[in-house]
Amino acid sequence: MRISLRWIRSSLIFILFAIILSGCAQDKALMKKQAQAKRDLGKSFLADGNYTAGLNELMQAVRLDPENPEIHNDLAITYREMRMYTKAITHFDKAIELRPDYSEAYNNLGTVYLILADWSRAISCFKKALTNSLYATPHFAYNNLGLAYYEKGQFRFAVEAYLKAVQANPSFSRAYHYLGITYEALGEWNKALEAYEDSIRYAPDDPRSYFRLGKLYLRLNKLPLAVKNLEETIRLDKRDIIAPDAKRLLKRIQ
């Protein structure tokens, strides 16, 4: 049986093409592994506070695997922490382009707009983050949504967002703290007191809610409770950030 040269050539071309594709697939898999290694190394540098080294590793990772949304998200977070907001937005946008339901990237992008005081864009990002029913940590986006509404002066919407945050995570002390601040803005003192107490229940070593309680009790002329909470603020504030203000308020009382 004679085999034509054309058939032989076609077969050889097919085999060569298959080999090339196999080699490309192997190369791509290797590059993805290298990118993941770079990503892991970069995140370890970031955890140690070495942003320059972390940024370098993540930039290499994204060059190796440019279609990886997680790497773009990590790179954008690094740029955000380094206050390079334009680059952060670019990479958050890329992460979302690659994965349209990427709630974490939407939430992170919204935090950049919070920093830039672009409340409307921030609100839009947080709402998009919350459209994904599989979003594992919606309380973060609800809390950030509350912050944006508060800064925009829309206090009732802020309250609604904070309440949804604690509904999603009942021990999320930060949302109770901001809920208390918002109730104060609305003049709803008892609700504010209750929110600060809830915040303290879940974060008893955080001085911030004690300080807000102390100031509010002082405003309500409940001096023994004001003194108690201001003294607790001073005891817990190891970094001496709000303790000086608490001490000044105590001097006014005593």
C-alpha atoms as a PDB file:
ATOM      1  CA  MET A   1       0.000   0.000   0.000  1.00  0.00           C
ATOM      2  CA  ARG A   2       1.524   3.306  -1.120  1.00  0.00           C
ATOM      3  CA  ILE A   3       1.364   6.297   1.196  1.00  0.00           C
ATOM      4  CA  SER A   4       1.390   9.665  -0.517  1.00  0.00           C
ATOM      5  CA  LEU A   5       3.964  12.275   0.276  1.00  0.00           C
ATOM      6  CA  ARG A   6       1.160  14.769   0.882  1.00  0.00           C
ATOM      7  CA  TRP A   7      -0.310  12.540   3.582  1.00  0.00           C
ATOM      8  CA  ILE A   8       3.128  12.112   5.199  1.00  0.00           C
ATOM      9  CA  ARG A   9       3.750  15.843   5.184  1.00  0.00           C
ATOM     10  CA  SER A  10       0.316  16.530   6.657  1.00  0.00           C
ATOM     11  CA  SER A  11       0.913  13.978   9.386  1.00  0.00           C
ATOM     12  CA  LEU A  12       4.320  15.436  10.224  1.00  0.00           C
ATOM     13  CA  ILE A  13       2.892  18.948  10.352  1.00  0.00           C
ATOM     14  CA  PHE A  14       0.123  17.766  12.672  1.00  0.00           C
ATOM     15  CA  ILE A  15       2.619  16.008  14.969  1.00  0.00           C
ATOM     16  CA  LEU A  16       4.903  19.063  15.012  1.00  0.00           C
ATOM     17  CA  PHE A  17       1.960  21.339  15.812  1.00  0.00           C
ATOM     18  CA  ALA A  18       0.885  19.034  18.653  1.00  0.00           C
ATOM     19  CA  ILE A  19       4.417  19.055  20.068  1.00  0.00           C
ATOM     20  CA  ILE A  20       4.544  22.856  19.919  1.00  0.00           C
ATOM     21  CA  LEU A  21       1.154  23.144  21.643  1.00  0.00           C
ATOM     22  CA  SER A  22       2.246  20.705  24.334  1.00  0.00           C
ATOM     23  CA  GLY A  23       5.435  22.664  24.857  1.00  0.00           C
ATOM     24  CA  CYS A  24       3.499  25.940  25.061  1.00  0.00           C
ATOM     25  CA  ALA A  25       1.098  24.444  27.585  1.00  0.00           C
ATOM     26  CA  GLN A  26       3.998  23.218  29.695  1.00  0.00           C
ATOM     27  CA  ASP A  27       5.714  26.608  29.472  1.00  0.00           C
ATOM     28  CA  LYS A  28       2.499  28.368  30.491  1.00  0.00           C
ATOM     29  CA  ALA A  29       2.004  26.041  33.454  1.00  0.00           C
ATOM     30  CA  LEU A  30       5.601  26.651  34.536  1.00  0.00           C
ATOM     31  CA  MET A  31       5.170  30.423  34.260  1.00  0.00           C
ATOM     32  CA  LYS A  32       2.008  30.249  36.373  1.00  0.00           C
ATOM     33  CA  LYS A  33       3.900  28.328  39.054  1.00  0.00           C
ATOM     34  CA  GLN A  34       6.716  30.864  38.953  1.00  0.00           C
ATOM     35  CA  ALA A  35       4.195  33.702  39.184  1.00  0.00           C
ATOM     36  CA  GLN A  36       2.549  32.114  42.218  1.00  0.00           C
ATOM     37  CA  ALA A  37       5.925  31.730  43.889  1.00  0.00           C
ATOM     38  CA  LYS A  38       6.674  35.409  43.207  1.00  0.00           C
ATOM     39  CA  ARG A  39       3.248  36.366  44.522  1.00  0.00           C
ATOM     40  CA  ASP A  40       3.743  34.396  47.735  1.00  0.00           C
ATOM     41  CA  LEU A  41       7.188  35.906  48.256  1.00  0.00           C
ATOM     42  CA  GLY A  42       5.862  39.384  47.571  1.00  0.00           C
ATOM     43  CA  LYS A  43       3.062  38.978  50.108  1.00  0.00           C
ATOM     44  CA  SER A  44       5.539  37.755  52.717  1.00  0.00           C
ATOM     45  CA  PHE A  45       7.586  40.931  52.186  1.00  0.00           C
ATOM     46  CA  LEU A  46       4.427  43.021  52.529  1.00  0.00           C
ATOM     47  CA  ALA A  47       3.512  41.253  55.765  1.00  0.00           C
ATOM     48  CA  ASP A  48       6.926  42.324  57.111  1.00  0.00           C
ATOM     49  CA  GLY A  49       6.294  45.910  56.034  1.00  0.00           C
ATOM     50  CA  ASN A  50       8.839  45.819  53.208  1.00  0.00           C
ATOM     51  CA  TYR A  51       6.694  47.346  50.479  1.00  0.00           C
ATOM     52  CA  THR A  52       9.508  48.005  48.031  1.00  0.00           C
ATOM     53  CA  ALA A  53      10.591  44.357  47.955  1.00  0.00           C
ATOM     54  CA  GLY A  54       6.983  43.196  47.916  1.00  0.00           C
ATOM     55  CA  LEU A  55       6.151  45.476  45.014  1.00  0.00           C
ATOM     56  CA  ASN A  56       9.142  44.191  43.045  1.00  0.00           C
ATOM     57  CA  GLU A  57       8.077  40.552  43.458  1.00  0.00           C
ATOM     58  CA  LEU A  58       4.448  41.272  42.552  1.00  0.00           C
ATOM     59  CA  MET A  59       5.479  43.214  39.445  1.00  0.00           C
ATOM     60  CA  GLN A  60       7.462  40.181  38.329  1.00  0.00           C
ATOM     61  CA  ALA A  61       4.507  37.944  39.135  1.00  0.00           C
ATOM     62  CA  VAL A  62       2.109  39.971  37.003  1.00  0.00           C
ATOM     63  CA  ARG A  63       4.548  39.904  34.078  1.00  0.00           C
ATOM     64  CA  LEU A  64       4.681  36.109  34.321  1.00  0.00           C
ATOM     65  CA  ASP A  65       0.911  35.705  34.655  1.00  0.00           C
ATOM     66  CA  PRO A  66      -0.796  38.874  33.378  1.00  0.00           C
ATOM     67  CA  GLU A  67      -4.258  37.286  33.264  1.00  0.00           C
ATOM     68  CA  ASN A  68      -4.331  36.445  36.985  1.00  0.00           C
ATOM     69  CA  PRO A  69      -6.854  38.712  38.765  1.00  0.00           C
ATOM     70  CA  GLU A  70      -5.557  37.867  42.251  1.00  0.00           C
ATOM     71  CA  ILE A  71      -2.079  39.124  41.389  1.00  0.00           C
ATOM     72  CA  HIS A  72      -3.499  42.369  39.995  1.00  0.00           C
ATOM     73  CA  ASN A  73      -5.525  42.775  43.203  1.00  0.00           C
ATOM     74  CA  ASP A  74      -2.456  42.197  45.397  1.00  0.00           C
ATOM     75  CA  LEU A  75      -0.393  44.584  43.300  1.00  0.00           C
ATOM     76  CA  ALA A  76      -3.117  47.226  43.534  1.00  0.00           C
ATOM     77  CA  ILE A  77      -3.299  46.851  47.327  1.00  0.00           C
ATOM     78  CA  THR A  78       0.456  47.429  47.462  1.00  0.00           C
ATOM     79  CA  TYR A  79       0.173  50.576  45.345  1.00  0.00           C
ATOM     80  CA  ARG A  80      -2.669  51.774  47.588  1.00  0.00           C
ATOM     81  CA  GLU A  81      -0.564  51.292  50.728  1.00  0.00           C
ATOM     82  CA  MET A  82       2.273  53.173  49.028  1.00  0.00           C
ATOM     83  CA  ARG A  83      -0.184  56.004  48.187  1.00  0.00           C
ATOM     84  CA  MET A  84       0.215  55.457  44.458  1.00  0.00           C
ATOM     85  CA  TYR A  85      -3.506  55.679  43.883  1.00  0.00           C
ATOM     86  CA  THR A  86      -3.635  55.997  40.105  1.00  0.00           C
ATOM     87  CA  LYS A  87      -1.685  52.766  39.667  1.00  0.00           C
ATOM     88  CA  ALA A  88      -3.792  51.090  42.342  1.00  0.00           C
ATOM     89  CA  ILE A  89      -6.984  51.971  40.463  1.00  0.00           C
ATOM     90  CA  THR A  90      -5.503  50.678  37.201  1.00  0.00           C
ATOM     91  CA  HIS A  91      -4.751  47.256  38.654  1.00  0.00           C
ATOM     92  CA  PHE A  92      -8.025  46.970  40.593  1.00  0.00           C
ATOM     93  CA  ASP A  93      -9.829  47.754  37.321  1.00  0.00           C
ATOM     94  CA  LYS A  94      -7.789  45.057  35.569  1.00  0.00           C
ATOM     95  CA  ALA A  95      -8.615  42.505  38.256  1.00  0.00           C
ATOM     96  CA  ILE A  96     -12.319  43.294  37.819  1.00  0.00           C
ATOM     97  CA  GLU A  97     -12.035  43.124  34.032  1.00  0.00           C
ATOM     98  CA  LEU A  98     -10.541  39.642  34.354  1.00  0.00           C
ATOM     99  CA  ARG A  99     -13.126  38.563  36.941  1.00  0.00           C
ATOM    100  CA  PRO A 100     -16.314  40.667  36.789  1.00  0.00           C
ATOM    101  CA  ASP A 101     -17.723  39.211  40.037  1.00  0.00           C
ATOM    102  CA  TYR A 102     -14.532  39.827  42.036  1.00  0.00           C
ATOM    103  CA  SER A 103     -16.101  41.343  45.157  1.00  0.00           C
ATOM    104  CA  GLU A 104     -12.821  41.769  47.036  1.00  0.00           C
ATOM    105  CA  ALA A 105     -11.383  43.856  44.198  1.00  0.00           C
ATOM    106  CA  TYR A 106     -14.532  46.010  44.036  1.00  0.00           C
ATOM    107  CA  ASN A 107     -14.348  46.571  47.799  1.00  0.00           C
ATOM    108  CA  ASN A 108     -10.642  47.389  47.645  1.00  0.00           C
ATOM    109  CA  LEU A 109     -11.182  49.783  44.759  1.00  0.00           C
ATOM    110  CA  GLY A 110     -13.881  51.483  46.796  1.00  0.00           C
ATOM    111  CA  THR A 111     -11.405  52.079  49.629  1.00  0.00           C
ATOM    112  CA  VAL A 112      -9.163  54.000  47.231  1.00  0.00           C
ATOM    113  CA  TYR A 113     -12.089  56.246  46.326  1.00  0.00           C
ATOM    114  CA  LEU A 114     -12.762  56.688  50.066  1.00  0.00           C
ATOM    115  CA  ILE A 115      -9.191  57.917  50.489  1.00  0.00           C
ATOM    116  CA  LEU A 116      -9.673  60.260  47.532  1.00  0.00           C
ATOM    117  CA  ALA A 117     -12.978  61.510  49.026  1.00  0.00           C
ATOM    118  CA  ASP A 118     -14.869  60.429  45.902  1.00  0.00           C
ATOM    119  CA  TRP A 119     -17.891  59.225  47.860  1.00  0.00           C
ATOM    120  CA  SER A 120     -20.171  58.465  44.918  1.00  0.00           C
ATOM    121  CA  ARG A 121     -17.651  56.213  43.177  1.00  0.00           C
ATOM    122  CA  ALA A 122     -16.846  54.542  46.472  1.00  0.00           C
ATOM    123  CA  ILE A 123     -20.532  53.802  47.069  1.00  0.00           C
ATOM    124  CA  SER A 124     -20.860  52.356  43.559  1.00  0.00           C
ATOM    125  CA  CYS A 125     -17.898  50.022  44.147  1.00  0.00           C
ATOM    126  CA  PHE A 126     -19.177  48.755  47.487  1.00  0.00           C
ATOM    127  CA  LYS A 127     -22.615  48.108  46.061  1.00  0.00           C
ATOM    128  CA  LYS A 128     -21.088  46.129  43.192  1.00  0.00           C
ATOM    129  CA  ALA A 129     -19.074  44.092  45.672  1.00  0.00           C
ATOM    130  CA  LEU A 130     -22.292  43.193  47.455  1.00  0.00           C
ATOM    131  CA  THR A 131     -24.110  41.954  44.331  1.00  0.00           C
ATOM    132  CA  ASN A 132     -22.159  38.687  44.499  1.00  0.00           C
ATOM    133  CA  SER A 133     -24.101  36.283  46.737  1.00  0.00           C
ATOM    134  CA  LEU A 134     -20.916  34.206  47.183  1.00  0.00           C
ATOM    135  CA  TYR A 135     -18.917  37.112  48.659  1.00  0.00           C
ATOM    136  CA  ALA A 136     -17.419  35.608  51.816  1.00  0.00           C
ATOM    137  CA  THR A 137     -16.904  38.846  53.801  1.00  0.00           C
ATOM    138  CA  PRO A 138     -19.762  41.234  52.935  1.00  0.00           C
ATOM    139  CA  HIS A 139     -19.484  42.929  56.345  1.00  0.00           C
ATOM    140  CA  PHE A 140     -16.356  44.724  55.133  1.00  0.00           C
ATOM    141  CA  ALA A 141     -18.153  46.195  52.135  1.00  0.00           C
ATOM    142  CA  TYR A 142     -21.225  47.127  54.199  1.00  0.00           C
ATOM    143  CA  ASN A 143     -19.003  48.869  56.752  1.00  0.00           C
ATOM    144  CA  ASN A 144     -17.167  50.763  54.017  1.00  0.00           C
ATOM    145  CA  LEU A 145     -20.486  51.646  52.408  1.00  0.00           C
ATOM    146  CA  GLY A 146     -21.534  53.129  55.736  1.00  0.00           C
ATOM    147  CA  LEU A 147     -18.358  55.203  55.873  1.00  0.00           C
ATOM    148  CA  ALA A 148     -19.008  56.593  52.396  1.00  0.00           C
ATOM    149  CA  TYR A 149     -22.631  57.461  53.197  1.00  0.00           C
ATOM    150  CA  TYR A 150     -21.554  59.085  56.471  1.00  0.00           C
ATOM    151  CA  GLU A 151     -18.980  61.271  54.727  1.00  0.00           C
ATOM    152  CA  LYS A 152     -21.621  62.200  52.178  1.00  0.00           C
ATOM    153  CA  GLY A 153     -23.905  63.319  55.007  1.00  0.00           C
ATOM    154  CA  GLN A 154     -26.473  60.595  54.339  1.00  0.00           C
ATOM    155  CA  PHE A 155     -26.623  59.344  57.913  1.00  0.00           C
ATOM    156  CA  ARG A 156     -29.735  57.161  57.631  1.00  0.00           C
ATOM    157  CA  PHE A 157     -28.215  55.249  54.728  1.00  0.00           C
ATOM    158  CA  ALA A 158     -25.031  54.915  56.784  1.00  0.00           C
ATOM    159  CA  VAL A 159     -26.980  53.437  59.712  1.00  0.00           C
ATOM    160  CA  GLU A 160     -28.647  50.963  57.375  1.00  0.00           C
ATOM    161  CA  ALA A 161     -25.284  49.865  55.980  1.00  0.00           C
ATOM    162  CA  TYR A 162     -23.698  49.433  59.437  1.00  0.00           C
ATOM    163  CA  LEU A 163     -26.672  47.405  60.647  1.00  0.00           C
ATOM    164  CA  LYS A 164     -26.269  45.105  57.656  1.00  0.00           C
ATOM    165  CA  ALA A 165     -22.566  44.792  58.473  1.00  0.00           C
ATOM    166  CA  VAL A 166     -23.273  43.538  62.007  1.00  0.00           C
ATOM    167  CA  GLN A 167     -26.059  41.348  60.722  1.00  0.00           C
ATOM    168  CA  ALA A 168     -23.537  39.672  58.406  1.00  0.00           C
ATOM    169  CA  ASN A 169     -20.955  39.460  61.213  1.00  0.00           C
ATOM    170  CA  PRO A 170     -22.432  40.059  64.692  1.00  0.00           C
ATOM    171  CA  SER A 171     -18.994  40.365  66.326  1.00  0.00           C
ATOM    172  CA  PHE A 172     -17.683  43.015  63.918  1.00  0.00           C
ATOM    173  CA  SER A 173     -16.799  45.670  66.488  1.00  0.00           C
ATOM    174  CA  ARG A 174     -15.661  48.283  63.990  1.00  0.00           C
ATOM    175  CA  ALA A 175     -19.133  48.591  62.483  1.00  0.00           C
ATOM    176  CA  TYR A 176     -20.696  49.082  65.954  1.00  0.00           C
ATOM    177  CA  HIS A 177     -18.166  51.850  66.613  1.00  0.00           C
ATOM    178  CA  TYR A 178     -19.038  53.726  63.434  1.00  0.00           C
ATOM    179  CA  LEU A 179     -22.717  53.071  64.041  1.00  0.00           C
ATOM    180  CA  GLY A 180     -22.333  54.871  67.354  1.00  0.00           C
ATOM    181  CA  ILE A 181     -20.668  57.843  65.658  1.00  0.00           C
ATOM    182  CA  THR A 182     -23.506  58.015  63.139  1.00  0.00           C
ATOM    183  CA  TYR A 183     -26.192  57.873  65.834  1.00  0.00           C
ATOM    184  CA  GLU A 184     -24.390  60.753  67.530  1.00  0.00           C
ATOM    185  CA  ALA A 185     -24.580  62.723  64.283  1.00  0.00           C
ATOM    186  CA  LEU A 186     -28.332  62.077  64.310  1.00  0.00           C
ATOM    187  CA  GLY A 187     -28.632  63.118  67.966  1.00  0.00           C
ATOM    188  CA  GLU A 188     -29.806  59.659  69.003  1.00  0.00           C
ATOM    189  CA  TRP A 189     -27.763  59.438  72.184  1.00  0.00           C
ATOM    190  CA  ASN A 190     -29.121  56.220  73.689  1.00  0.00           C
ATOM    191  CA  LYS A 191     -28.616  54.296  70.460  1.00  0.00           C
ATOM    192  CA  ALA A 192     -25.094  55.683  70.228  1.00  0.00           C
ATOM    193  CA  LEU A 193     -24.320  54.546  73.776  1.00  0.00           C
ATOM    194  CA  GLU A 194     -25.640  51.078  73.005  1.00  0.00           C
ATOM    195  CA  ALA A 195     -23.572  50.846  69.809  1.00  0.00           C
ATOM    196  CA  TYR A 196     -20.358  51.822  71.630  1.00  0.00           C
ATOM    197  CA  GLU A 197     -21.084  49.251  74.336  1.00  0.00           C
ATOM    198  CA  ASP A 198     -21.526  46.597  71.646  1.00  0.00           C
ATOM    199  CA  SER A 199     -18.233  47.635  70.087  1.00  0.00           C
ATOM    200  CA  ILE A 200     -16.478  47.283  73.447  1.00  0.00           C
ATOM    201  CA  ARG A 201     -18.071  43.895  74.044  1.00  0.00           C
ATOM    202  CA  TYR A 202     -16.399  42.486  70.941  1.00  0.00           C
ATOM    203  CA  ALA A 203     -13.158  44.493  71.137  1.00  0.00           C
ATOM    204  CA  PRO A 204     -12.551  45.154  74.845  1.00  0.00           C
ATOM    205  CA  ASP A 205      -8.928  46.210  74.350  1.00  0.00           C
ATOM    206  CA  ASP A 206      -9.607  48.879  71.726  1.00  0.00           C
ATOM    207  CA  PRO A 207      -9.545  52.338  73.382  1.00  0.00           C
ATOM    208  CA  ARG A 208     -11.499  54.157  70.667  1.00  0.00           C
ATOM    209  CA  SER A 209     -15.035  53.262  71.740  1.00  0.00           C
ATOM    210  CA  TYR A 210     -14.197  53.947  75.398  1.00  0.00           C
ATOM    211  CA  PHE A 211     -13.106  57.427  74.336  1.00  0.00           C
ATOM    212  CA  ARG A 212     -16.305  58.046  72.367  1.00  0.00           C
ATOM    213  CA  LEU A 213     -18.340  56.787  75.331  1.00  0.00           C
ATOM    214  CA  GLY A 214     -16.431  59.046  77.706  1.00  0.00           C
ATOM    215  CA  LYS A 215     -17.060  62.097  75.544  1.00  0.00           C
ATOM    216  CA  LEU A 216     -20.732  61.248  75.100  1.00  0.00           C
ATOM    217  CA  TYR A 217     -21.282  60.682  78.817  1.00  0.00           C
ATOM    218  CA  LEU A 218     -19.594  64.035  79.447  1.00  0.00           C
ATOM    219  CA  ARG A 219     -21.970  65.642  76.976  1.00  0.00           C
ATOM    220  CA  LEU A 220     -24.892  64.020  78.794  1.00  0.00           C
ATOM    221  CA  ASN A 221     -23.483  65.273  82.132  1.00  0.00           C
ATOM    222  CA  LYS A 222     -23.017  61.752  83.470  1.00  0.00           C
ATOM    223  CA  LEU A 223     -19.649  62.541  84.978  1.00  0.00           C
ATOM    224  CA  PRO A 224     -18.789  59.304  86.870  1.00  0.00           C
ATOM    225  CA  LEU A 225     -19.371  57.256  83.696  1.00  0.00           C
ATOM    226  CA  ALA A 226     -17.405  59.810  81.661  1.00  0.00           C
ATOM    227  CA  VAL A 227     -14.452  59.550  84.050  1.00  0.00           C
ATOM    228  CA  LYS A 228     -14.566  55.745  84.042  1.00  0.00           C
ATOM    229  CA  ASN A 229     -14.429  55.491  80.250  1.00  0.00           C
ATOM    230  CA  LEU A 230     -11.816  58.197  79.795  1.00  0.00           C
ATOM    231  CA  GLU A 231      -9.557  56.523  82.359  1.00  0.00           C
ATOM    232  CA  GLU A 232     -10.009  53.223  80.536  1.00  0.00           C
ATOM    233  CA  THR A 233      -9.072  54.967  77.295  1.00  0.00           C
ATOM    234  CA  ILE A 234      -5.804  56.150  78.805  1.00  0.00           C
ATOM    235  CA  ARG A 235      -5.027  52.709  80.253  1.00  0.00           C
ATOM    236  CA  LEU A 236      -5.595  50.923  76.941  1.00  0.00           C
ATOM    237  CA  ASP A 237      -4.010  53.460  74.581  1.00  0.00           C
ATOM    238  CA  LYS A 238      -0.469  52.073  74.605  1.00  0.00           C
ATOM    239  CA  ARG A 239       0.540  54.124  71.563  1.00  0.00           C
ATOM    240  CA  ASP A 240      -0.641  57.372  73.194  1.00  0.00           C
ATOM    241  CA  ILE A 241      -2.754  58.405  70.204  1.00  0.00           C
ATOM    242  CA  ILE A 242      -6.016  59.476  71.840  1.00  0.00           C
ATOM    243  CA  ALA A 243      -4.858  59.335  75.475  1.00  0.00           C
ATOM    244  CA  PRO A 244      -3.710  63.009  75.441  1.00  0.00           C
ATOM    245  CA  ASP A 245      -7.241  64.119  74.454  1.00  0.00           C
ATOM    246  CA  ALA A 246      -8.731  61.858  77.126  1.00  0.00           C
ATOM    247  CA  LYS A 247      -6.415  63.404  79.738  1.00  0.00           C
ATOM    248  CA  ARG A 248      -7.463  66.926  78.727  1.00  0.00           C
ATOM    249  CA  LEU A 249     -11.125  65.991  79.114  1.00  0.00           C
ATOM    250  CA  LEU A 250     -10.456  64.461  82.531  1.00  0.00           C
ATOM    251  CA  LYS A 251      -8.849  67.709  83.697  1.00  0.00           C
ATOM    252  CA  ARG A 252     -12.026  69.551  82.761  1.00  0.00           C
ATOM    253  CA  ILE A 253     -14.053  67.177  84.922  1.00  0.00           C
ATOM    254  CA  GLN A 254     -11.805  66.864  87.973  1.00  0.00           C
END
